[in-house]
Amino acid sequence: MATSRTSSKLKGLLGSVIELVQVRFQLLTIEAREELLRLLGMVAFGAVAIALLCMGLVFAAFWIIAYQWDTPNRLWTVFYVTLGFFALGGLSGLLAWSRFNRGTELFATSLHELREDVERLQP
């Protein structure tokens, strides 16, 4: 009689553990999906922004060079426009590198919930 009660309690505990693992796994998949959508949105908007900004920079460079073409400073103008492109490219690379090194908060909520579960299960 005691063994059937113990067996029933163990089955109930095992069922609760399985349900807890299932809920945590669902939370992980939701977080992964949200992170993927966020990254895809960043890539899409970033690609459009980069393409349009590059076109704008090229046309601005052409305008500046054409404006200065009949002056004796035309070669210096080409040099400064090129130097500006290199400076902006270097700055953009540094900003991208710093964001890459910052990392992401992927699965932070799941890890927090798992820590709380462990604390609740400890005596």
Protein backbone atom coordinates (compact mmCIF):
# COMPACT_ATOMS: atom_id res chain seq x y z
CA MET A 1 0.00 0.00 0.00
CA ALA A 2 2.83 2.37 0.87
CA THR A 3 4.68 1.39 -2.27
CA SER A 4 1.68 2.21 -4.47
CA ARG A 5 1.39 5.62 -2.81
CA THR A 6 5.13 6.22 -3.27
CA SER A 7 4.91 5.02 -6.85
CA SER A 8 2.00 7.38 -7.47
CA LYS A 9 3.92 10.30 -5.96
CA LEU A 10 6.99 9.49 -8.05
CA LYS A 11 4.87 9.36 -11.20
CA GLY A 12 3.33 12.71 -10.28
CA LEU A 13 6.78 14.20 -9.63
CA LEU A 14 8.11 12.79 -12.89
CA GLY A 15 5.11 14.21 -14.73
CA SER A 16 5.73 17.63 -13.17
CA VAL A 17 9.41 17.53 -14.13
CA ILE A 18 8.57 16.57 -17.71
CA GLU A 19 5.97 19.34 -17.89
CA LEU A 20 8.49 21.85 -16.51
CA VAL A 21 11.11 20.80 -19.07
CA GLN A 22 8.54 21.06 -21.85
CA VAL A 23 7.55 24.59 -20.82
CA ARG A 24 11.19 25.68 -20.61
CA PHE A 25 11.90 24.19 -24.03
CA GLN A 26 8.93 26.07 -25.50
CA LEU A 27 10.28 29.27 -23.95
CA LEU A 28 13.68 28.62 -25.53
CA THR A 29 12.15 28.08 -28.97
CA ILE A 30 10.08 31.26 -28.68
CA GLU A 31 13.16 33.26 -27.72
CA ALA A 32 15.16 31.76 -30.58
CA ARG A 33 12.39 32.61 -33.05
CA GLU A 34 12.16 36.19 -31.75
CA GLU A 35 15.94 36.60 -32.02
CA LEU A 36 15.91 35.25 -35.58
CA LEU A 37 13.16 37.67 -36.61
CA ARG A 38 15.04 40.55 -34.98
CA LEU A 39 18.23 39.63 -36.82
CA LEU A 40 16.45 39.24 -40.16
CA GLY A 41 14.85 42.64 -39.73
CA MET A 42 18.20 44.20 -38.89
CA VAL A 43 19.83 42.61 -41.94
CA ALA A 44 17.04 43.70 -44.28
CA PHE A 45 16.89 47.30 -43.09
CA GLY A 46 20.66 47.45 -42.85
CA ALA A 47 21.10 46.28 -46.45
CA VAL A 48 18.62 48.85 -47.75
CA ALA A 49 20.23 51.61 -45.67
CA ILE A 50 23.72 50.70 -46.85
CA ALA A 51 22.67 50.61 -50.51
CA LEU A 52 20.91 53.97 -50.34
CA LEU A 53 23.67 55.63 -48.35
CA CYS A 54 26.29 54.37 -50.80
CA MET A 55 24.32 55.77 -53.72
CA GLY A 56 23.97 59.09 -51.92
CA LEU A 57 27.68 59.24 -51.14
CA VAL A 58 28.63 58.47 -54.73
CA PHE A 59 26.35 61.20 -56.10
CA ALA A 60 27.59 63.67 -53.47
CA ALA A 61 31.18 62.86 -54.41
CA PHE A 62 30.42 63.36 -58.11
CA TRP A 63 28.75 66.68 -57.35
CA ILE A 64 31.68 67.93 -55.25
CA ILE A 65 34.24 66.87 -57.86
CA ALA A 66 32.21 68.34 -60.74
CA TYR A 67 31.80 71.60 -58.83
CA GLN A 68 35.56 71.90 -58.32
CA TRP A 69 36.60 70.57 -61.75
CA ASP A 70 37.38 73.90 -63.38
CA THR A 71 39.52 75.08 -60.49
CA PRO A 72 43.17 74.31 -59.80
CA ASN A 73 42.08 72.36 -56.69
CA ARG A 74 40.41 69.50 -58.55
CA LEU A 75 43.00 66.87 -57.56
CA TRP A 76 42.89 67.95 -53.93
CA THR A 77 39.11 67.72 -54.06
CA VAL A 78 39.30 64.14 -55.33
CA PHE A 79 41.84 63.36 -52.59
CA TYR A 80 39.68 64.82 -49.80
CA VAL A 81 36.54 63.07 -51.04
CA THR A 82 38.44 59.76 -51.11
CA LEU A 83 39.89 60.44 -47.66
CA GLY A 84 36.38 61.13 -46.38
CA PHE A 85 35.14 57.80 -47.74
CA PHE A 86 38.00 55.96 -46.03
CA ALA A 87 37.34 57.78 -42.74
CA LEU A 88 33.62 56.98 -42.80
CA GLY A 89 34.33 53.38 -43.75
CA GLY A 90 36.81 53.00 -40.90
CA LEU A 91 34.40 54.55 -38.40
CA SER A 92 31.61 52.26 -39.58
CA GLY A 93 33.89 49.24 -39.23
CA LEU A 94 34.80 50.23 -35.66
CA LEU A 95 31.14 50.68 -34.74
CA ALA A 96 30.24 47.31 -36.26
CA TRP A 97 33.10 45.63 -34.39
CA SER A 98 32.05 47.15 -31.05
CA ARG A 99 28.45 45.97 -31.56
CA PHE A 100 29.68 42.52 -32.48
CA ASN A 101 31.77 42.31 -29.31
CA ARG A 102 28.86 43.51 -27.15
CA GLY A 103 26.99 40.25 -27.73
CA THR A 104 23.32 39.45 -27.40
CA GLU A 105 20.84 38.63 -24.67
CA LEU A 106 19.75 35.43 -26.41
CA PHE A 107 18.10 32.97 -23.99
CA ALA A 108 18.53 35.37 -21.03
CA THR A 109 14.92 34.86 -19.92
CA SER A 110 15.19 31.10 -20.16
CA LEU A 111 18.41 31.04 -18.16
CA HIS A 112 16.84 33.25 -15.52
CA GLU A 113 13.81 30.97 -15.28
CA LEU A 114 16.02 27.87 -15.05
CA ARG A 115 18.02 29.47 -12.20
CA GLU A 116 14.76 30.20 -10.37
CA ASP A 117 13.64 26.59 -10.91
CA VAL A 118 16.88 25.30 -9.44
CA GLU A 119 16.53 27.60 -6.42
CA ARG A 120 12.93 26.44 -5.85
CA LEU A 121 13.88 22.78 -6.05
CA GLN A 122 16.75 23.04 -3.59
CA PRO A 123 15.86 22.33 0.05
